[in-house]
Each structure stands twice: as structure tokens, then as C-alpha cells.
Amino acid sequence: MTVTTGAYHSASEWPSIEAVPGVFRRVLSCGDDVMVVQFNIAGGAEVPAHTHPHEQVGHVVSGRMQFRIGDEVRELGPGDGYSVPGGVTHGAVGITDCVAVDSFHPVREDYR
């Protein structure tokens, strides 16, 4: 059996970045193939509809948001999850201040 050693990251390595007004992202951890990112979305702030080649899987930690995947829109709250295949249009609006944690595969080089 081969044992590999992981890595640890300091919060200061990946500071919070305002992606769009009212939406802040911070990388929590990054491996060779997967990146975990926290999003803080203010109530009323919008993550505009967009697409990227990465598979995205996430969940709402706190607050409420409206999440769109393709043509389907749902209101999500704490504990609710979502998955977005690569290449599918998606976006979100904070209904209240909201925290979500997403994992991306492969790693989002544009977030490094």
C-alpha cells in the first residue's frame, strides 16, 4: 500500500476576494484534482448566470439563496446541496446573507 502525504493551508494563503459586488469567495483547500471554495453572498447580491468546464458540487451552510441550474430555479437553505455538471449555465441570488461551500473538479486555476 502506498501512503501519500497531504498538505495544510493557512487562511492567509487564500484571502477573501470580492468576485462581484456582495459576493466574496475564499479558497479553503486545494488538492491536485479538487478545490474547495467558500462563498459569502450578501442578501440581494447576485452571482450572475455563467458556465465553466468544471463540475461543481456544493451545499448551503447558512442563510438562504435562490440557485439556478439550467432552466430550473430552487430556493435553498442550510443543509441543501446542489451539483452542476461542467458546461451547464448556473447562478445564484442571496435571499438572505448566505454562506455556501463548493467543490470544483478539476481545480479552478482562475481561483488560485
Protein backbone atom coordinates (compact mmCIF):
# COMPACT_ATOMS: atom_id res chain seq x y z
CA MET A 1 0.00 0.00 0.00
CA THR A 2 1.31 3.45 -0.88
CA VAL A 3 0.76 6.22 1.64
CA THR A 4 0.84 9.79 0.39
CA THR A 5 1.23 12.90 2.47
CA GLY A 6 -1.35 15.67 2.18
CA ALA A 7 -0.85 19.37 2.64
CA TYR A 8 -2.09 22.03 5.04
CA HIS A 9 -3.06 25.56 4.09
CA SER A 10 -3.18 28.76 6.07
CA ALA A 11 -6.18 31.05 5.64
CA SER A 12 -3.76 33.84 4.76
CA GLU A 13 -2.65 31.93 1.66
CA TRP A 14 -6.06 32.47 0.06
CA PRO A 15 -7.65 35.74 1.21
CA SER A 16 -11.29 36.58 0.62
CA ILE A 17 -11.83 38.12 -2.83
CA GLU A 18 -14.91 40.09 -3.91
CA ALA A 19 -15.88 38.27 -7.11
CA VAL A 20 -18.84 40.55 -7.87
CA PRO A 21 -20.47 43.17 -5.62
CA GLY A 22 -21.66 41.49 -2.42
CA VAL A 23 -20.18 38.06 -3.29
CA PHE A 24 -16.90 37.04 -1.65
CA ARG A 25 -15.02 33.83 -2.31
CA ARG A 26 -12.14 32.21 -0.45
CA VAL A 27 -10.35 29.01 -1.29
CA LEU A 28 -10.48 26.74 1.75
CA SER A 29 -8.28 23.97 0.39
CA CYS A 30 -6.86 22.75 -2.88
CA GLY A 31 -5.51 19.39 -3.94
CA ASP A 32 -4.26 18.11 -7.26
CA ASP A 33 -7.75 17.45 -8.64
CA VAL A 34 -10.29 19.15 -6.35
CA MET A 35 -10.66 22.68 -4.96
CA VAL A 36 -12.97 23.65 -2.06
CA VAL A 37 -14.21 27.25 -2.00
CA GLN A 38 -16.40 29.19 0.45
CA PHE A 39 -18.78 31.81 -0.93
CA ASN A 40 -20.30 34.55 1.25
CA ILE A 41 -23.27 36.02 -0.60
CA ALA A 42 -24.97 39.11 0.83
CA GLY A 43 -28.76 39.27 0.80
CA GLY A 44 -29.77 40.66 -2.60
CA ALA A 45 -26.34 40.05 -4.18
CA GLU A 46 -26.20 38.03 -7.38
CA VAL A 47 -23.78 35.53 -8.82
CA PRO A 48 -24.61 36.18 -12.48
CA ALA A 49 -25.56 33.24 -14.70
CA HIS A 50 -22.35 31.72 -16.04
CA THR A 51 -20.78 28.49 -17.18
CA HIS A 52 -17.39 26.82 -16.79
CA PRO A 53 -15.98 23.41 -17.68
CA HIS A 54 -15.60 22.36 -14.02
CA GLU A 55 -18.01 20.04 -12.24
CA GLN A 56 -19.32 21.93 -9.17
CA VAL A 57 -20.83 20.30 -6.10
CA GLY A 58 -21.84 22.32 -3.06
CA HIS A 59 -24.11 22.94 -0.12
CA VAL A 60 -25.58 25.84 1.81
CA VAL A 61 -24.04 26.29 5.26
CA SER A 62 -26.23 29.18 6.44
CA GLY A 63 -28.80 31.60 5.12
CA ARG A 64 -30.99 31.19 2.06
CA MET A 65 -30.35 31.60 -1.65
CA GLN A 66 -32.09 31.12 -4.93
CA PHE A 67 -29.99 28.81 -7.11
CA ARG A 68 -30.43 28.31 -10.83
CA ILE A 69 -29.15 25.29 -12.77
CA GLY A 70 -30.10 25.44 -16.44
CA ASP A 71 -33.78 26.44 -16.53
CA GLU A 72 -34.57 25.19 -13.01
CA VAL A 73 -34.60 27.60 -10.05
CA ARG A 74 -34.89 26.49 -6.42
CA GLU A 75 -34.71 28.16 -3.03
CA LEU A 76 -32.04 26.51 -0.89
CA GLY A 77 -31.28 26.75 2.80
CA PRO A 78 -28.91 25.23 5.37
CA GLY A 79 -28.01 21.65 4.54
CA ASP A 80 -29.40 21.78 0.99
CA GLY A 81 -26.99 20.68 -1.72
CA TYR A 82 -26.58 21.03 -5.46
CA SER A 83 -24.45 19.69 -8.28
CA VAL A 84 -23.72 21.41 -11.56
CA PRO A 85 -22.18 19.46 -14.44
CA GLY A 86 -19.43 21.21 -16.36
CA GLY A 87 -20.73 23.42 -19.16
CA VAL A 88 -24.21 23.98 -17.63
CA THR A 89 -25.37 27.56 -17.03
CA HIS A 90 -25.98 28.38 -13.36
CA GLY A 91 -26.15 31.31 -10.94
CA ALA A 92 -27.43 32.39 -7.55
CA VAL A 93 -29.04 35.25 -5.64
CA GLY A 94 -28.77 35.69 -1.89
CA ILE A 95 -32.25 35.82 -0.36
CA THR A 96 -30.56 36.49 2.99
CA ASP A 97 -26.88 36.68 3.81
CA CYS A 98 -25.72 33.22 2.81
CA VAL A 99 -22.64 31.01 3.11
CA ALA A 100 -22.12 28.16 0.65
CA VAL A 101 -19.20 25.78 0.21
CA ASP A 102 -18.46 24.42 -3.25
CA SER A 103 -16.03 21.83 -4.56
CA PHE A 104 -14.71 22.08 -8.10
CA HIS A 105 -13.20 19.36 -10.28
CA PRO A 106 -10.79 19.87 -11.86
CA VAL A 107 -9.14 22.66 -9.87
CA ARG A 108 -10.14 26.19 -10.91
CA GLU A 109 -6.83 27.68 -11.94
CA ASP A 110 -8.53 31.10 -12.22
CA TYR A 111 -9.17 30.97 -8.44
CA ARG A 112 -5.54 30.28 -7.48
